[in-house]
Amino acid sequence: MDTWNYLEYAAWALSALFGVLMLIDLVRIDTTYDNELLISSREGEIEATAERHEI
């Protein structure tokens, strides 16, 4: 095998890793936030709910 084959395998491995990370992020976001909040058009609404402090 030459260098190009190793680079090709490395590229496929990175592609698979990024795909898995995207799926993990999808599940984490889907379980953390309500769907109505995610599709809302108000900017900063997620940050605002995360930063609400009650005294």
PDB file of N, CA and C in Angstrom:
ATOM      1  N   MET A   1       0.854  -1.190   0.000  1.00  0.00           N
ATOM      2  CA  MET A   1       0.000   0.000   0.000  1.00  0.00           C
ATOM      3  C   MET A   1       0.885   1.233   0.000  1.00  0.00           C
ATOM      4  N   ASP A   2       0.438   2.212  -0.698  1.00  0.00           N
ATOM      5  CA  ASP A   2       1.211   3.448  -0.732  1.00  0.00           C
ATOM      6  C   ASP A   2       0.562   4.517   0.142  1.00  0.00           C
ATOM      7  N   THR A   3       1.179   5.673   0.151  1.00  0.00           N
ATOM      8  CA  THR A   3       0.742   6.760   1.026  1.00  0.00           C
ATOM      9  C   THR A   3      -0.686   7.205   0.726  1.00  0.00           C
ATOM     10  N   TRP A   4      -1.070   7.187  -0.556  1.00  0.00           N
ATOM     11  CA  TRP A   4      -2.411   7.649  -0.916  1.00  0.00           C
ATOM     12  C   TRP A   4      -3.492   6.752  -0.340  1.00  0.00           C
ATOM     13  N   ASN A   5      -3.218   5.457  -0.285  1.00  0.00           N
ATOM     14  CA  ASN A   5      -4.208   4.546   0.308  1.00  0.00           C
ATOM     15  C   ASN A   5      -4.370   4.814   1.795  1.00  0.00           C
ATOM     16  N   TYR A   6      -3.269   5.057   2.488  1.00  0.00           N
ATOM     17  CA  TYR A   6      -3.359   5.391   3.910  1.00  0.00           C
ATOM     18  C   TYR A   6      -4.122   6.690   4.135  1.00  0.00           C
ATOM     19  N   LEU A   7      -3.867   7.666   3.277  1.00  0.00           N
ATOM     20  CA  LEU A   7      -4.603   8.936   3.391  1.00  0.00           C
ATOM     21  C   LEU A   7      -6.085   8.749   3.099  1.00  0.00           C
ATOM     22  N   GLU A   8      -6.397   7.874   2.146  1.00  0.00           N
ATOM     23  CA  GLU A   8      -7.800   7.603   1.834  1.00  0.00           C
ATOM     24  C   GLU A   8      -8.498   6.943   3.024  1.00  0.00           C
ATOM     25  N   TYR A   9      -7.848   5.964   3.637  1.00  0.00           N
ATOM     26  CA  TYR A   9      -8.427   5.313   4.812  1.00  0.00           C
ATOM     27  C   TYR A   9      -8.573   6.292   5.978  1.00  0.00           C
ATOM     28  N   ALA A  10      -7.605   7.168   6.132  1.00  0.00           N
ATOM     29  CA  ALA A  10      -7.689   8.172   7.198  1.00  0.00           C
ATOM     30  C   ALA A  10      -8.859   9.122   6.942  1.00  0.00           C
ATOM     31  N   ALA A  11      -9.058   9.493   5.684  1.00  0.00           N
ATOM     32  CA  ALA A  11     -10.175  10.386   5.349  1.00  0.00           C
ATOM     33  C   ALA A  11     -11.516   9.706   5.628  1.00  0.00           C
ATOM     34  N   TRP A  12     -11.630   8.410   5.280  1.00  0.00           N
ATOM     35  CA  TRP A  12     -12.869   7.690   5.561  1.00  0.00           C
ATOM     36  C   TRP A  12     -13.093   7.544   7.061  1.00  0.00           C
ATOM     37  N   ALA A  13     -12.030   7.310   7.807  1.00  0.00           N
ATOM     38  CA  ALA A  13     -12.162   7.195   9.256  1.00  0.00           C
ATOM     39  C   ALA A  13     -12.615   8.514   9.871  1.00  0.00           C
ATOM     40  N   LEU A  14     -12.032   9.619   9.408  1.00  0.00           N
ATOM     41  CA  LEU A  14     -12.458  10.930   9.912  1.00  0.00           C
ATOM     42  C   LEU A  14     -13.905  11.216   9.542  1.00  0.00           C
ATOM     43  N   SER A  15     -14.295  10.829   8.340  1.00  0.00           N
ATOM     44  CA  SER A  15     -15.682  11.029   7.910  1.00  0.00           C
ATOM     45  C   SER A  15     -16.643  10.243   8.803  1.00  0.00           C
ATOM     46  N   ALA A  16     -16.301   9.002   9.104  1.00  0.00           N
ATOM     47  CA  ALA A  16     -17.147   8.197   9.986  1.00  0.00           C
ATOM     48  C   ALA A  16     -17.185   8.782  11.387  1.00  0.00           C
ATOM     49  N   LEU A  17     -16.049   9.257  11.881  1.00  0.00           N
ATOM     50  CA  LEU A  17     -16.000   9.870  13.208  1.00  0.00           C
ATOM     51  C   LEU A  17     -16.881  11.110  13.277  1.00  0.00           C
ATOM     52  N   PHE A  18     -16.789  11.965  12.262  1.00  0.00           N
ATOM     53  CA  PHE A  18     -17.634  13.166  12.243  1.00  0.00           C
ATOM     54  C   PHE A  18     -19.112  12.798  12.154  1.00  0.00           C
ATOM     55  N   GLY A  19     -19.446  11.762  11.407  1.00  0.00           N
ATOM     56  CA  GLY A  19     -20.831  11.313  11.322  1.00  0.00           C
ATOM     57  C   GLY A  19     -21.361  10.846  12.666  1.00  0.00           C
ATOM     58  N   VAL A  20     -20.537  10.081  13.390  1.00  0.00           N
ATOM     59  CA  VAL A  20     -20.938   9.605  14.714  1.00  0.00           C
ATOM     60  C   VAL A  20     -21.095  10.780  15.675  1.00  0.00           C
ATOM     61  N   LEU A  21     -20.164  11.737  15.617  1.00  0.00           N
ATOM     62  CA  LEU A  21     -20.271  12.911  16.487  1.00  0.00           C
ATOM     63  C   LEU A  21     -21.528  13.724  16.181  1.00  0.00           C
ATOM     64  N   MET A  22     -21.896  13.818  14.901  1.00  0.00           N
ATOM     65  CA  MET A  22     -23.121  14.530  14.535  1.00  0.00           C
ATOM     66  C   MET A  22     -24.349  13.806  15.067  1.00  0.00           C
ATOM     67  N   LEU A  23     -24.356  12.483  15.017  1.00  0.00           N
ATOM     68  CA  LEU A  23     -25.490  11.730  15.550  1.00  0.00           C
ATOM     69  C   LEU A  23     -25.588  11.874  17.065  1.00  0.00           C
ATOM     70  N   ILE A  24     -24.446  11.857  17.747  1.00  0.00           N
ATOM     71  CA  ILE A  24     -24.451  12.055  19.204  1.00  0.00           C
ATOM     72  C   ILE A  24     -24.987  13.438  19.543  1.00  0.00           C
ATOM     73  N   ASP A  25     -24.566  14.446  18.795  1.00  0.00           N
ATOM     74  CA  ASP A  25     -25.046  15.807  19.041  1.00  0.00           C
ATOM     75  C   ASP A  25     -26.537  15.920  18.754  1.00  0.00           C
ATOM     76  N   LEU A  26     -27.000  15.251  17.704  1.00  0.00           N
ATOM     77  CA  LEU A  26     -28.425  15.267  17.375  1.00  0.00           C
ATOM     78  C   LEU A  26     -29.249  14.696  18.522  1.00  0.00           C
ATOM     79  N   VAL A  27     -28.813  13.563  19.070  1.00  0.00           N
ATOM     80  CA  VAL A  27     -29.544  12.940  20.178  1.00  0.00           C
ATOM     81  C   VAL A  27     -29.486  13.827  21.415  1.00  0.00           C
ATOM     82  N   ARG A  28     -28.320  14.410  21.692  1.00  0.00           N
ATOM     83  CA  ARG A  28     -28.171  15.245  22.891  1.00  0.00           C
ATOM     84  C   ARG A  28     -29.061  16.483  22.802  1.00  0.00           C
ATOM     85  N   ILE A  29     -29.073  17.143  21.658  1.00  0.00           N
ATOM     86  CA  ILE A  29     -29.904  18.338  21.485  1.00  0.00           C
ATOM     87  C   ILE A  29     -31.382  17.969  21.517  1.00  0.00           C
ATOM     88  N   ASP A  30     -31.731  16.849  20.873  1.00  0.00           N
ATOM     89  CA  ASP A  30     -33.134  16.441  20.816  1.00  0.00           C
ATOM     90  C   ASP A  30     -33.682  16.102  22.193  1.00  0.00           C
ATOM     91  N   THR A  31     -32.856  15.551  23.065  1.00  0.00           N
ATOM     92  CA  THR A  31     -33.336  15.208  24.399  1.00  0.00           C
ATOM     93  C   THR A  31     -33.240  16.376  25.375  1.00  0.00           C
ATOM     94  N   THR A  32     -32.445  17.394  25.052  1.00  0.00           N
ATOM     95  CA  THR A  32     -32.263  18.523  25.954  1.00  0.00           C
ATOM     96  C   THR A  32     -33.322  19.597  25.753  1.00  0.00           C
ATOM     97  N   TYR A  33     -33.663  19.890  24.498  1.00  0.00           N
ATOM     98  CA  TYR A  33     -34.554  21.001  24.191  1.00  0.00           C
ATOM     99  C   TYR A  33     -35.856  20.507  23.581  1.00  0.00           C
ATOM    100  N   ASP A  34     -36.917  21.234  23.866  1.00  0.00           N
ATOM    101  CA  ASP A  34     -38.227  20.956  23.296  1.00  0.00           C
ATOM    102  C   ASP A  34     -38.214  21.306  21.811  1.00  0.00           C
ATOM    103  N   ASN A  35     -38.981  20.564  21.021  1.00  0.00           N
ATOM    104  CA  ASN A  35     -39.023  20.804  19.578  1.00  0.00           C
ATOM    105  C   ASN A  35     -39.570  22.195  19.252  1.00  0.00           C
ATOM    106  N   GLU A  36     -40.540  22.664  20.013  1.00  0.00           N
ATOM    107  CA  GLU A  36     -41.091  24.005  19.773  1.00  0.00           C
ATOM    108  C   GLU A  36     -40.033  25.087  19.966  1.00  0.00           C
ATOM    109  N   LEU A  37     -39.170  24.896  20.928  1.00  0.00           N
ATOM    110  CA  LEU A  37     -38.093  25.854  21.167  1.00  0.00           C
ATOM    111  C   LEU A  37     -37.083  25.818  20.029  1.00  0.00           C
ATOM    112  N   LEU A  38     -36.788  24.631  19.523  1.00  0.00           N
ATOM    113  CA  LEU A  38     -35.790  24.507  18.468  1.00  0.00           C
ATOM    114  C   LEU A  38     -36.255  25.098  17.142  1.00  0.00           C
ATOM    115  N   ILE A  39     -37.546  25.046  16.870  1.00  0.00           N
ATOM    116  CA  ILE A  39     -38.028  25.582  15.601  1.00  0.00           C
ATOM    117  C   ILE A  39     -38.549  27.011  15.716  1.00  0.00           C
ATOM    118  N   SER A  40     -38.410  27.624  16.888  1.00  0.00           N
ATOM    119  CA  SER A  40     -38.865  29.002  17.050  1.00  0.00           C
ATOM    120  C   SER A  40     -37.943  29.942  16.285  1.00  0.00           C
ATOM    121  N   SER A  41     -38.466  31.075  15.918  1.00  0.00           N
ATOM    122  CA  SER A  41     -37.695  32.021  15.111  1.00  0.00           C
ATOM    123  C   SER A  41     -37.081  33.136  15.952  1.00  0.00           C
ATOM    124  N   ARG A  42     -37.257  33.081  17.253  1.00  0.00           N
ATOM    125  CA  ARG A  42     -36.709  34.124  18.113  1.00  0.00           C
ATOM    126  C   ARG A  42     -35.242  33.844  18.388  1.00  0.00           C
ATOM    127  N   GLU A  43     -34.388  34.774  18.031  1.00  0.00           N
ATOM    128  CA  GLU A  43     -32.954  34.606  18.265  1.00  0.00           C
ATOM    129  C   GLU A  43     -32.642  34.715  19.745  1.00  0.00           C
ATOM    130  N   GLY A  44     -31.762  33.887  20.206  1.00  0.00           N
ATOM    131  CA  GLY A  44     -31.312  33.957  21.578  1.00  0.00           C
ATOM    132  C   GLY A  44     -32.263  33.359  22.590  1.00  0.00           C
ATOM    133  N   GLU A  45     -33.336  32.734  22.148  1.00  0.00           N
ATOM    134  CA  GLU A  45     -34.311  32.198  23.096  1.00  0.00           C
ATOM    135  C   GLU A  45     -33.721  31.033  23.891  1.00  0.00           C
ATOM    136  N   ILE A  46     -32.925  30.201  23.241  1.00  0.00           N
ATOM    137  CA  ILE A  46     -32.319  29.071  23.947  1.00  0.00           C
ATOM    138  C   ILE A  46     -31.340  29.581  24.993  1.00  0.00           C
ATOM    139  N   GLU A  47     -30.519  30.570  24.611  1.00  0.00           N
ATOM    140  CA  GLU A  47     -29.577  31.125  25.571  1.00  0.00           C
ATOM    141  C   GLU A  47     -30.291  31.811  26.714  1.00  0.00           C
ATOM    142  N   ALA A  48     -31.409  32.463  26.410  1.00  0.00           N
ATOM    143  CA  ALA A  48     -32.162  33.164  27.446  1.00  0.00           C
ATOM    144  C   ALA A  48     -32.747  32.192  28.455  1.00  0.00           C
ATOM    145  N   THR A  49     -33.232  31.055  27.995  1.00  0.00           N
ATOM    146  CA  THR A  49     -33.787  30.084  28.935  1.00  0.00           C
ATOM    147  C   THR A  49     -32.687  29.416  29.743  1.00  0.00           C
ATOM    148  N   ALA A  50     -31.515  29.278  29.177  1.00  0.00           N
ATOM    149  CA  ALA A  50     -30.412  28.647  29.896  1.00  0.00           C
ATOM    150  C   ALA A  50     -29.819  29.600  30.927  1.00  0.00           C
ATOM    151  N   GLU A  51     -29.959  30.913  30.710  1.00  0.00           N
ATOM    152  CA  GLU A  51     -29.344  31.888  31.590  1.00  0.00           C
ATOM    153  C   GLU A  51     -30.322  32.524  32.568  1.00  0.00           C
ATOM    154  N   ARG A  52     -31.554  32.045  32.624  1.00  0.00           N
ATOM    155  CA  ARG A  52     -32.533  32.613  33.546  1.00  0.00           C
ATOM    156  C   ARG A  52     -32.131  32.299  34.973  1.00  0.00           C
ATOM    157  N   HIS A  53     -32.059  33.339  35.762  1.00  0.00           N
ATOM    158  CA  HIS A  53     -31.725  33.177  37.182  1.00  0.00           C
ATOM    159  C   HIS A  53     -32.899  33.674  38.007  1.00  0.00           C
ATOM    160  N   GLU A  54     -33.274  32.864  38.950  1.00  0.00           N
ATOM    161  CA  GLU A  54     -34.359  33.293  39.830  1.00  0.00           C
ATOM    162  C   GLU A  54     -33.808  33.496  41.224  1.00  0.00           C
ATOM    163  N   ILE A  55     -34.209  34.602  41.823  1.00  0.00           N
ATOM    164  CA  ILE A  55     -33.718  34.948  43.165  1.00  0.00           C
ATOM    165  C   ILE A  55     -34.833  34.743  44.161  1.00  0.00           C
TER     166      ILE A  55
END
